[in-house]
Amino acid sequence: MVRKCICLYALLIILFIACNNRPENVQQETAVVIPADSISELRSTIRKEAVITHQQKVPDEFNNWKFQVSLYETERRFHYIVRMQYKELRISDSINIPNLGKEPIVEIQKDSQPYSCTIGFLDKKGVFKPYYRANVQKEQLRFKKIAAYGVGVTLVNRS
């Protein structure tokens, strides 16, 4: 009986050692996931005036009409209110700029068509990324998303 217990005990020890035995030449994981840069989602101060405005005069001999697109900051750092006007038509919408890990820089660029502009942002390299288009079609204001952007993670090889 004692002999069976000793054999069973020895077998368990051998199994334990065999399962925990790790070869010394095992390479560590070569890919490391690095989270995207981050910046606070909330602003400490919010500007009351427009961050950027694009404006074109609409010719009319009796009225002071214009086509205008303005972006305003909100409490959330990457969220902007867009206010648009064409003649006496006014609309408001909102956009979310991707979090690139830095303070967002939004821009409005004039398009080749009359009463049309593109809202976008500058990426980390300072390149303009078109995001939304505001324009007038058949005397109506239009606001349309023209591109989608996402922020991912970077894989780094450390071997």
Protein backbone atom coordinates (compact mmCIF):
# COMPACT_ATOMS: atom_id res chain seq x y z
CA MET A 1 0.00 0.00 0.00
CA VAL A 2 2.80 2.37 0.92
CA ARG A 3 4.58 1.35 -2.23
CA LYS A 4 1.55 2.27 -4.39
CA CYS A 5 1.29 5.69 -2.69
CA ILE A 6 4.99 6.37 -3.28
CA CYS A 7 4.70 5.35 -6.94
CA LEU A 8 1.62 7.51 -7.44
CA TYR A 9 3.29 10.42 -5.69
CA ALA A 10 6.45 10.03 -7.82
CA LEU A 11 4.36 9.84 -11.00
CA LEU A 12 2.58 13.07 -10.12
CA ILE A 13 5.92 14.82 -9.49
CA ILE A 14 7.29 13.62 -12.83
CA LEU A 15 4.16 14.82 -14.66
CA PHE A 16 4.35 18.17 -12.91
CA ILE A 17 7.99 18.66 -13.89
CA ALA A 18 7.36 17.51 -17.47
CA CYS A 19 4.44 19.95 -17.91
CA ASN A 20 6.36 22.90 -16.52
CA ASN A 21 9.53 22.22 -18.49
CA ARG A 22 9.98 25.07 -21.00
CA PRO A 23 12.63 25.01 -23.72
CA GLU A 24 15.23 27.73 -23.28
CA ASN A 25 15.27 28.77 -26.94
CA VAL A 26 11.61 29.88 -27.07
CA GLN A 27 11.39 33.34 -28.64
CA GLN A 28 9.24 35.96 -27.04
CA GLU A 29 6.31 37.50 -28.89
CA THR A 30 7.59 39.75 -31.69
CA ALA A 31 4.51 41.92 -32.25
CA VAL A 32 3.49 44.47 -29.67
CA VAL A 33 0.25 46.42 -29.85
CA ILE A 34 0.72 50.07 -29.05
CA PRO A 35 -2.47 52.03 -28.31
CA ALA A 36 -3.18 55.09 -30.41
CA ASP A 37 -2.05 58.37 -28.90
CA SER A 38 -4.68 59.87 -26.68
CA ILE A 39 -5.72 63.34 -25.61
CA SER A 40 -8.46 64.41 -23.27
CA GLU A 41 -11.94 64.12 -24.76
CA LEU A 42 -13.11 67.29 -22.98
CA ARG A 43 -12.05 70.90 -23.51
CA SER A 44 -11.18 73.12 -20.58
CA THR A 45 -12.26 76.27 -22.46
CA ILE A 46 -14.74 76.60 -25.31
CA ARG A 47 -14.46 79.41 -27.84
CA LYS A 48 -17.74 81.26 -28.33
CA GLU A 49 -16.80 82.55 -31.79
CA ALA A 50 -16.45 80.33 -34.85
CA VAL A 51 -13.21 78.35 -35.11
CA ILE A 52 -13.26 78.82 -38.89
CA THR A 53 -15.70 80.34 -41.38
CA HIS A 54 -16.07 80.19 -45.15
CA GLN A 55 -18.22 82.89 -46.74
CA GLN A 56 -19.24 83.84 -50.28
CA LYS A 57 -21.44 86.76 -51.20
CA VAL A 58 -24.62 85.91 -53.13
CA PRO A 59 -25.24 88.65 -55.70
CA ASP A 60 -28.56 90.41 -55.16
CA GLU A 61 -29.26 94.11 -55.60
CA PHE A 62 -31.79 94.30 -52.73
CA ASN A 63 -30.49 91.87 -50.10
CA ASN A 64 -27.20 91.25 -48.35
CA TRP A 65 -27.30 87.47 -48.92
CA LYS A 66 -24.43 85.07 -48.46
CA PHE A 67 -23.38 81.43 -48.49
CA GLN A 68 -21.63 80.79 -45.19
CA VAL A 69 -20.32 77.73 -43.33
CA SER A 70 -18.95 78.07 -39.78
CA LEU A 71 -17.56 75.55 -37.29
CA TYR A 72 -17.95 75.98 -33.53
CA GLU A 73 -16.26 74.13 -30.68
CA THR A 74 -18.24 72.15 -28.14
CA GLU A 75 -17.35 70.78 -24.72
CA ARG A 76 -16.19 67.57 -26.41
CA ARG A 77 -12.83 68.18 -28.08
CA PHE A 78 -13.49 66.27 -31.32
CA HIS A 79 -17.13 67.34 -31.75
CA TYR A 80 -18.00 70.49 -33.71
CA ILE A 81 -21.25 72.26 -34.52
CA VAL A 82 -21.58 73.26 -38.19
CA ARG A 83 -23.83 76.23 -38.99
CA MET A 84 -24.65 76.89 -42.62
CA GLN A 85 -26.53 79.67 -44.38
CA TYR A 86 -27.59 80.31 -47.96
CA LYS A 87 -29.68 83.41 -48.54
CA GLU A 88 -32.27 83.11 -45.74
CA LEU A 89 -31.96 79.31 -45.35
CA ARG A 90 -30.12 78.23 -42.21
CA ILE A 91 -29.28 74.74 -41.01
CA SER A 92 -27.14 73.32 -38.25
CA ASP A 93 -25.47 69.92 -37.92
CA SER A 94 -22.56 68.35 -36.08
CA ILE A 95 -19.42 66.45 -36.99
CA ASN A 96 -16.92 64.31 -35.08
CA ILE A 97 -13.26 64.61 -36.04
CA PRO A 98 -11.13 61.44 -35.50
CA ASN A 99 -8.93 61.49 -32.39
CA LEU A 100 -5.39 61.53 -33.80
CA GLY A 101 -3.84 62.08 -30.37
CA LYS A 102 -3.39 65.82 -30.86
CA GLU A 103 -5.51 68.96 -30.81
CA PRO A 104 -7.72 68.77 -33.92
CA ILE A 105 -7.16 71.38 -36.63
CA VAL A 106 -10.24 71.85 -38.80
CA GLU A 107 -10.23 73.65 -42.13
CA ILE A 108 -12.75 74.68 -44.77
CA GLN A 109 -11.62 74.74 -48.39
CA LYS A 110 -13.51 76.39 -51.24
CA ASP A 111 -14.59 74.02 -54.01
CA SER A 112 -14.49 74.76 -57.73
CA GLN A 113 -18.30 74.91 -57.87
CA PRO A 114 -20.07 78.06 -56.72
CA TYR A 115 -21.50 77.97 -53.18
CA SER A 116 -19.66 74.79 -52.27
CA CYS A 117 -16.91 74.02 -49.76
CA THR A 118 -15.24 71.04 -48.14
CA ILE A 119 -14.83 70.69 -44.39
CA GLY A 120 -11.88 68.62 -43.28
CA PHE A 121 -9.02 68.33 -40.84
CA LEU A 122 -5.25 68.14 -40.87
CA ASP A 123 -3.69 64.75 -40.14
CA LYS A 124 -0.47 64.29 -38.11
CA LYS A 125 1.61 65.22 -41.17
CA GLY A 126 -0.38 68.40 -41.81
CA VAL A 127 -2.16 67.00 -44.88
CA PHE A 128 -5.77 68.14 -45.42
CA LYS A 129 -8.26 65.27 -45.18
CA PRO A 130 -11.65 66.09 -46.80
CA TYR A 131 -14.53 64.95 -44.58
CA TYR A 132 -17.82 66.72 -45.37
CA ARG A 133 -19.14 68.85 -48.23
CA ALA A 134 -21.54 71.77 -47.83
CA ASN A 135 -23.08 73.12 -51.00
CA VAL A 136 -26.19 74.52 -52.65
CA GLN A 137 -28.18 72.42 -55.12
CA LYS A 138 -31.41 73.72 -56.66
CA GLU A 139 -31.53 76.58 -54.14
CA GLN A 140 -31.29 74.13 -51.19
CA LEU A 141 -28.48 73.70 -48.68
CA ARG A 142 -26.87 70.26 -48.74
CA PHE A 143 -24.50 68.74 -46.19
CA LYS A 144 -22.96 65.35 -46.96
CA LYS A 145 -20.22 63.15 -45.55
CA ILE A 146 -17.75 62.41 -48.35
CA ALA A 147 -15.13 60.30 -46.56
CA ALA A 148 -14.72 58.12 -43.48
CA TYR A 149 -11.62 57.93 -41.31
CA GLY A 150 -10.60 55.69 -38.42
CA VAL A 151 -7.75 55.53 -35.96
CA GLY A 152 -6.13 52.16 -35.33
CA VAL A 153 -3.19 50.67 -33.54
CA THR A 154 0.33 50.15 -34.76
CA LEU A 155 2.16 46.83 -34.64
CA VAL A 156 5.84 47.10 -33.87
CA ASN A 157 8.31 44.28 -34.45
CA ARG A 158 10.83 44.10 -31.59
CA SER A 159 13.05 41.27 -32.79
